[in-house]
Amino acid sequence: MYKIINDRIIQKGNTFIPRSEGNRDYQQFKEDIVGIGKTCVEGADIETQISYVDARVAEYPPIVDQLDKIYHEGVDAWKADIKVIKDKYPKTQVGITSTAPLPSWIDTIIFEKQKEEYIEAKARLAQHELANGLVHPRNGTYIVEPLPIWVDGERNPKVVQDEAEREAAQEVINKTPQAVIDSINT
């Protein structure tokens, strides 16, 4: 799990990662947020100066629900629920630490990485299939001879690899958001 410290530093465990394109850990961070998603990163800590009274009020259930709880489950059940909130926000509290939303540069990293992967995938699919060879468009002769699909009773490893790479490239294309594709095509 990554933690944004500020706009220049990211933390993973005990490691502090500078936002520098030359840094391997930063490159891994970019790969992870694209591959895993934004669930692997959380925003910076922010401290708010909120009184314990305001914090409690924000968490108390509506009075109608509290009265319903007392009616159906008794005062002791209601007290137990309220005590959890009171314990969470003691009278000695001076502030609350919460997590800030993720900065917009995270979305930019994801967008740019998706764009790069889409372009690479399109280029990979533009290459000829090894099993089909490459036919001259005018005279129909082979520019590149097709590879045999079977070699010594097994599927040709080069054909298998070619098919796997093409399948992976097609998967990237299928998962690419339309906004990314549109940014490339305009």
C-alpha atoms as a PDB file:
ATOM      1  CA  MET A   1       0.000   0.000   0.000  1.00  0.00           C
ATOM      2  CA  TYR A   2       1.280   3.426  -0.949  1.00  0.00           C
ATOM      3  CA  LYS A   3       0.672   6.629   1.005  1.00  0.00           C
ATOM      4  CA  ILE A   4       0.890  10.102  -0.508  1.00  0.00           C
ATOM      5  CA  ILE A   5       2.954  12.259   1.839  1.00  0.00           C
ATOM      6  CA  ASN A   6       2.863  15.396  -0.315  1.00  0.00           C
ATOM      7  CA  ASP A   7       3.123  16.299  -4.013  1.00  0.00           C
ATOM      8  CA  ARG A   8       6.791  15.266  -4.077  1.00  0.00           C
ATOM      9  CA  ILE A   9       7.005  12.179  -1.820  1.00  0.00           C
ATOM     10  CA  ILE A  10       5.187   8.820  -1.703  1.00  0.00           C
ATOM     11  CA  GLN A  11       5.663   6.308   1.088  1.00  0.00           C
ATOM     12  CA  LYS A  12       5.580   2.519   0.893  1.00  0.00           C
ATOM     13  CA  GLY A  13       6.288   0.854   4.207  1.00  0.00           C
ATOM     14  CA  ASN A  14       9.464   2.474   5.534  1.00  0.00           C
ATOM     15  CA  THR A  15      10.563   3.624   2.085  1.00  0.00           C
ATOM     16  CA  PHE A  16      10.073   7.200   0.929  1.00  0.00           C
ATOM     17  CA  ILE A  17       9.842   7.487  -2.855  1.00  0.00           C
ATOM     18  CA  PRO A  18      10.499  10.777  -4.631  1.00  0.00           C
ATOM     19  CA  ARG A  19       8.301  11.634  -7.613  1.00  0.00           C
ATOM     20  CA  SER A  20      11.167  11.385 -10.057  1.00  0.00           C
ATOM     21  CA  GLU A  21      10.964   9.689 -13.447  1.00  0.00           C
ATOM     22  CA  GLY A  22      14.503   8.361 -12.947  1.00  0.00           C
ATOM     23  CA  ASN A  23      13.568   6.558  -9.728  1.00  0.00           C
ATOM     24  CA  ARG A  24      12.843   2.825 -10.089  1.00  0.00           C
ATOM     25  CA  ASP A  25      10.503   2.778  -7.086  1.00  0.00           C
ATOM     26  CA  TYR A  26       8.489   5.643  -8.598  1.00  0.00           C
ATOM     27  CA  GLN A  27       8.244   3.711 -11.871  1.00  0.00           C
ATOM     28  CA  GLN A  28       6.972   0.704  -9.882  1.00  0.00           C
ATOM     29  CA  PHE A  29       4.440   2.957  -8.138  1.00  0.00           C
ATOM     30  CA  LYS A  30       3.161   4.072 -11.545  1.00  0.00           C
ATOM     31  CA  GLU A  31       2.929   0.466 -12.747  1.00  0.00           C
ATOM     32  CA  ASP A  32       1.027  -0.516  -9.596  1.00  0.00           C
ATOM     33  CA  ILE A  33      -1.564   2.248  -9.742  1.00  0.00           C
ATOM     34  CA  VAL A  34      -2.246   1.399 -13.363  1.00  0.00           C
ATOM     35  CA  GLY A  35      -2.252  -2.380 -12.858  1.00  0.00           C
ATOM     36  CA  ILE A  36      -3.843  -2.634  -9.420  1.00  0.00           C
ATOM     37  CA  GLY A  37      -5.797   0.600  -9.453  1.00  0.00           C
ATOM     38  CA  LYS A  38      -6.143   3.503  -7.084  1.00  0.00           C
ATOM     39  CA  THR A  39      -7.030   1.114  -4.258  1.00  0.00           C
ATOM     40  CA  CYS A  40      -3.294   0.593  -3.648  1.00  0.00           C
ATOM     41  CA  VAL A  41      -2.749   4.249  -2.709  1.00  0.00           C
ATOM     42  CA  GLU A  42      -4.276   6.587  -0.164  1.00  0.00           C
ATOM     43  CA  GLY A  43      -4.158  10.330   0.143  1.00  0.00           C
ATOM     44  CA  ALA A  44      -2.073  12.393   2.506  1.00  0.00           C
ATOM     45  CA  ASP A  45      -3.016  12.732   6.146  1.00  0.00           C
ATOM     46  CA  ILE A  46      -4.783  15.943   6.992  1.00  0.00           C
ATOM     47  CA  GLU A  47      -5.489  17.195  10.462  1.00  0.00           C
ATOM     48  CA  THR A  48      -8.671  19.037  11.118  1.00  0.00           C
ATOM     49  CA  GLN A  49      -9.376  21.105  14.173  1.00  0.00           C
ATOM     50  CA  ILE A  50     -12.790  19.815  15.060  1.00  0.00           C
ATOM     51  CA  SER A  51     -14.151  19.694  18.565  1.00  0.00           C
ATOM     52  CA  TYR A  52     -15.145  16.413  20.122  1.00  0.00           C
ATOM     53  CA  VAL A  53     -18.724  17.713  20.286  1.00  0.00           C
ATOM     54  CA  ASP A  54     -18.899  18.362  16.532  1.00  0.00           C
ATOM     55  CA  ALA A  55     -17.233  15.034  15.761  1.00  0.00           C
ATOM     56  CA  ARG A  56     -19.687  13.156  17.941  1.00  0.00           C
ATOM     57  CA  VAL A  57     -22.715  14.990  16.538  1.00  0.00           C
ATOM     58  CA  ALA A  58     -21.620  14.124  13.005  1.00  0.00           C
ATOM     59  CA  GLU A  59     -21.556  10.404  13.900  1.00  0.00           C
ATOM     60  CA  TYR A  60     -24.614  10.107  16.107  1.00  0.00           C
ATOM     61  CA  PRO A  61     -27.509   8.465  14.312  1.00  0.00           C
ATOM     62  CA  PRO A  62     -30.604  10.634  13.734  1.00  0.00           C
ATOM     63  CA  ILE A  63     -32.688  11.081  16.892  1.00  0.00           C
ATOM     64  CA  VAL A  64     -35.560   9.089  15.348  1.00  0.00           C
ATOM     65  CA  ASP A  65     -33.236   6.088  14.907  1.00  0.00           C
ATOM     66  CA  GLN A  66     -31.938   6.502  18.473  1.00  0.00           C
ATOM     67  CA  LEU A  67     -35.468   6.509  19.894  1.00  0.00           C
ATOM     68  CA  ASP A  68     -36.351   3.486  17.759  1.00  0.00           C
ATOM     69  CA  LYS A  69     -33.273   1.680  19.130  1.00  0.00           C
ATOM     70  CA  ILE A  70     -34.347   2.446  22.723  1.00  0.00           C
ATOM     71  CA  TYR A  71     -37.900   1.268  22.050  1.00  0.00           C
ATOM     72  CA  HIS A  72     -36.933  -2.000  20.326  1.00  0.00           C
ATOM     73  CA  GLU A  73     -33.670  -2.946  22.059  1.00  0.00           C
ATOM     74  CA  GLY A  74     -33.694  -0.983  25.317  1.00  0.00           C
ATOM     75  CA  VAL A  75     -31.666   1.807  26.837  1.00  0.00           C
ATOM     76  CA  ASP A  76     -28.614  -0.399  27.451  1.00  0.00           C
ATOM     77  CA  ALA A  77     -28.278  -1.236  23.730  1.00  0.00           C
ATOM     78  CA  TRP A  78     -28.619   2.460  22.864  1.00  0.00           C
ATOM     79  CA  LYS A  79     -26.023   3.377  25.523  1.00  0.00           C
ATOM     80  CA  ALA A  80     -23.600   0.817  24.081  1.00  0.00           C
ATOM     81  CA  ASP A  81     -23.888   2.383  20.585  1.00  0.00           C
ATOM     82  CA  ILE A  82     -23.457   5.907  21.935  1.00  0.00           C
ATOM     83  CA  LYS A  83     -20.484   4.862  24.101  1.00  0.00           C
ATOM     84  CA  VAL A  84     -18.611   3.647  21.008  1.00  0.00           C
ATOM     85  CA  ILE A  85     -18.905   7.144  19.514  1.00  0.00           C
ATOM     86  CA  LYS A  86     -18.005   8.864  22.795  1.00  0.00           C
ATOM     87  CA  ASP A  87     -14.938   6.638  23.163  1.00  0.00           C
ATOM     88  CA  LYS A  88     -13.919   7.343  19.572  1.00  0.00           C
ATOM     89  CA  TYR A  89     -14.037  11.110  20.213  1.00  0.00           C
ATOM     90  CA  PRO A  90     -12.976  11.722  23.839  1.00  0.00           C
ATOM     91  CA  LYS A  91     -13.335  15.153  25.472  1.00  0.00           C
ATOM     92  CA  THR A  92      -9.537  15.513  25.391  1.00  0.00           C
ATOM     93  CA  GLN A  93      -9.501  15.409  21.602  1.00  0.00           C
ATOM     94  CA  VAL A  94      -7.976  18.457  19.928  1.00  0.00           C
ATOM     95  CA  GLY A  95      -8.106  17.399  16.279  1.00  0.00           C
ATOM     96  CA  ILE A  96      -8.856  14.525  13.927  1.00  0.00           C
ATOM     97  CA  THR A  97      -6.530  13.048  11.344  1.00  0.00           C
ATOM     98  CA  SER A  98      -8.222  11.971   8.158  1.00  0.00           C
ATOM     99  CA  THR A  99      -7.125  11.133   4.653  1.00  0.00           C
ATOM    100  CA  ALA A 100      -7.180  13.685   1.851  1.00  0.00           C
ATOM    101  CA  PRO A 101      -8.579  12.749  -1.555  1.00  0.00           C
ATOM    102  CA  LEU A 102      -6.017  11.518  -4.056  1.00  0.00           C
ATOM    103  CA  PRO A 103      -4.322  14.330  -5.974  1.00  0.00           C
ATOM    104  CA  SER A 104      -5.208  14.827  -9.638  1.00  0.00           C
ATOM    105  CA  TRP A 105      -1.690  13.866 -10.753  1.00  0.00           C
ATOM    106  CA  ILE A 106      -2.573  10.236  -9.890  1.00  0.00           C
ATOM    107  CA  ASP A 107      -5.292  10.305 -12.577  1.00  0.00           C
ATOM    108  CA  THR A 108      -2.815  11.902 -14.990  1.00  0.00           C
ATOM    109  CA  ILE A 109      -0.293   9.093 -14.391  1.00  0.00           C
ATOM    110  CA  ILE A 110      -2.973   6.466 -15.027  1.00  0.00           C
ATOM    111  CA  PHE A 111      -4.222   8.267 -18.142  1.00  0.00           C
ATOM    112  CA  GLU A 112      -0.722   8.659 -19.630  1.00  0.00           C
ATOM    113  CA  LYS A 113       0.213   5.043 -18.854  1.00  0.00           C
ATOM    114  CA  GLN A 114      -2.999   3.757 -20.439  1.00  0.00           C
ATOM    115  CA  LYS A 115      -2.261   5.892 -23.481  1.00  0.00           C
ATOM    116  CA  GLU A 116       1.280   4.505 -23.751  1.00  0.00           C
ATOM    117  CA  GLU A 117       0.102   0.901 -23.362  1.00  0.00           C
ATOM    118  CA  TYR A 118      -2.672   1.403 -25.925  1.00  0.00           C
ATOM    119  CA  ILE A 119      -0.218   2.750 -28.504  1.00  0.00           C
ATOM    120  CA  GLU A 120       2.161  -0.172 -27.868  1.00  0.00           C
ATOM    121  CA  ALA A 121      -0.707  -2.676 -28.151  1.00  0.00           C
ATOM    122  CA  LYS A 122      -1.912  -1.169 -31.446  1.00  0.00           C
ATOM    123  CA  ALA A 123       1.650  -1.329 -32.807  1.00  0.00           C
ATOM    124  CA  ARG A 124       1.934  -4.979 -31.716  1.00  0.00           C
ATOM    125  CA  LEU A 125      -1.319  -5.931 -33.443  1.00  0.00           C
ATOM    126  CA  ALA A 126      -0.218  -4.099 -36.595  1.00  0.00           C
ATOM    127  CA  GLN A 127       2.620  -6.614 -36.979  1.00  0.00           C
ATOM    128  CA  HIS A 128       1.905  -9.655 -39.122  1.00  0.00           C
ATOM    129  CA  GLU A 129       0.929 -12.942 -37.546  1.00  0.00           C
ATOM    130  CA  LEU A 130       3.826 -15.382 -37.700  1.00  0.00           C
ATOM    131  CA  ALA A 131       1.531 -18.290 -38.590  1.00  0.00           C
ATOM    132  CA  ASN A 132       0.085 -16.349 -41.557  1.00  0.00           C
ATOM    133  CA  GLY A 133       3.225 -14.715 -42.883  1.00  0.00           C
ATOM    134  CA  LEU A 134       3.077 -11.421 -44.772  1.00  0.00           C
ATOM    135  CA  VAL A 135       1.553 -11.270 -48.238  1.00  0.00           C
ATOM    136  CA  HIS A 136       2.456  -8.585 -50.786  1.00  0.00           C
ATOM    137  CA  PRO A 137      -0.694  -6.474 -51.323  1.00  0.00           C
ATOM    138  CA  ARG A 138      -0.254  -6.207 -55.087  1.00  0.00           C
ATOM    139  CA  ASN A 139       0.910  -9.571 -56.366  1.00  0.00           C
ATOM    140  CA  GLY A 140      -0.141 -11.902 -53.535  1.00  0.00           C
ATOM    141  CA  THR A 141       3.292 -13.440 -53.030  1.00  0.00           C
ATOM    142  CA  TYR A 142       4.766 -13.861 -49.557  1.00  0.00           C
ATOM    143  CA  ILE A 143       7.064 -11.103 -48.335  1.00  0.00           C
ATOM    144  CA  VAL A 144       7.552 -13.126 -45.154  1.00  0.00           C
ATOM    145  CA  GLU A 145       6.839 -16.861 -45.273  1.00  0.00           C
ATOM    146  CA  PRO A 146       4.441 -18.174 -42.597  1.00  0.00           C
ATOM    147  CA  LEU A 147       5.984 -20.209 -39.809  1.00  0.00           C
ATOM    148  CA  PRO A 148       4.821 -23.794 -39.481  1.00  0.00           C
ATOM    149  CA  ILE A 149       2.239 -24.161 -36.706  1.00  0.00           C
ATOM    150  CA  TRP A 150       3.589 -27.579 -35.694  1.00  0.00           C
ATOM    151  CA  VAL A 151       7.239 -28.490 -35.163  1.00  0.00           C
ATOM    152  CA  ASP A 152       8.262 -32.003 -34.115  1.00  0.00           C
ATOM    153  CA  GLY A 153       4.704 -32.864 -33.056  1.00  0.00           C
ATOM    154  CA  GLU A 154       4.305 -29.773 -30.847  1.00  0.00           C
ATOM    155  CA  ARG A 155       2.946 -26.324 -31.505  1.00  0.00           C
ATOM    156  CA  ASN A 156       5.688 -24.020 -32.709  1.00  0.00           C
ATOM    157  CA  PRO A 157       6.869 -22.033 -29.641  1.00  0.00           C
ATOM    158  CA  LYS A 158       7.320 -18.879 -31.747  1.00  0.00           C
ATOM    159  CA  VAL A 159       3.726 -19.106 -32.987  1.00  0.00           C
ATOM    160  CA  VAL A 160       2.468 -19.752 -29.451  1.00  0.00           C
ATOM    161  CA  GLN A 161       4.381 -16.712 -28.156  1.00  0.00           C
ATOM    162  CA  ASP A 162       3.113 -14.575 -31.036  1.00  0.00           C
ATOM    163  CA  GLU A 163      -0.478 -15.593 -30.286  1.00  0.00           C
ATOM    164  CA  ALA A 164      -0.055 -14.872 -26.554  1.00  0.00           C
ATOM    165  CA  GLU A 165       1.438 -11.425 -27.234  1.00  0.00           C
ATOM    166  CA  ARG A 166      -1.359 -10.600 -29.663  1.00  0.00           C
ATOM    167  CA  GLU A 167      -3.982 -11.756 -27.154  1.00  0.00           C
ATOM    168  CA  ALA A 168      -2.406  -9.603 -24.405  1.00  0.00           C
ATOM    169  CA  ALA A 169      -2.295  -6.606 -26.747  1.00  0.00           C
ATOM    170  CA  GLN A 170      -5.959  -7.073 -27.645  1.00  0.00           C
ATOM    171  CA  GLU A 171      -6.823  -7.246 -23.935  1.00  0.00           C
ATOM    172  CA  VAL A 172      -5.070  -3.892 -23.357  1.00  0.00           C
ATOM    173  CA  ILE A 173      -7.051  -2.376 -26.222  1.00  0.00           C
ATOM    174  CA  ASN A 174     -10.330  -3.798 -24.901  1.00  0.00           C
ATOM    175  CA  LYS A 175      -9.702  -2.376 -21.400  1.00  0.00           C
ATOM    176  CA  THR A 176      -8.596   1.074 -22.540  1.00  0.00           C
ATOM    177  CA  PRO A 177     -11.150   3.760 -21.625  1.00  0.00           C
ATOM    178  CA  GLN A 178     -12.708   5.590 -24.561  1.00  0.00           C
ATOM    179  CA  ALA A 179     -11.377   8.949 -23.291  1.00  0.00           C
ATOM    180  CA  VAL A 180      -7.815   7.644 -23.674  1.00  0.00           C
ATOM    181  CA  ILE A 181      -8.501   6.364 -27.203  1.00  0.00           C
ATOM    182  CA  ASP A 182     -10.130   9.670 -28.127  1.00  0.00           C
ATOM    183  CA  SER A 183      -7.097  11.623 -26.882  1.00  0.00           C
ATOM    184  CA  ILE A 184      -4.898   9.623 -29.233  1.00  0.00           C
ATOM    185  CA  ASN A 185      -7.198   9.881 -32.228  1.00  0.00           C
ATOM    186  CA  THR A 186      -7.598  13.670 -31.971  1.00  0.00           C
END
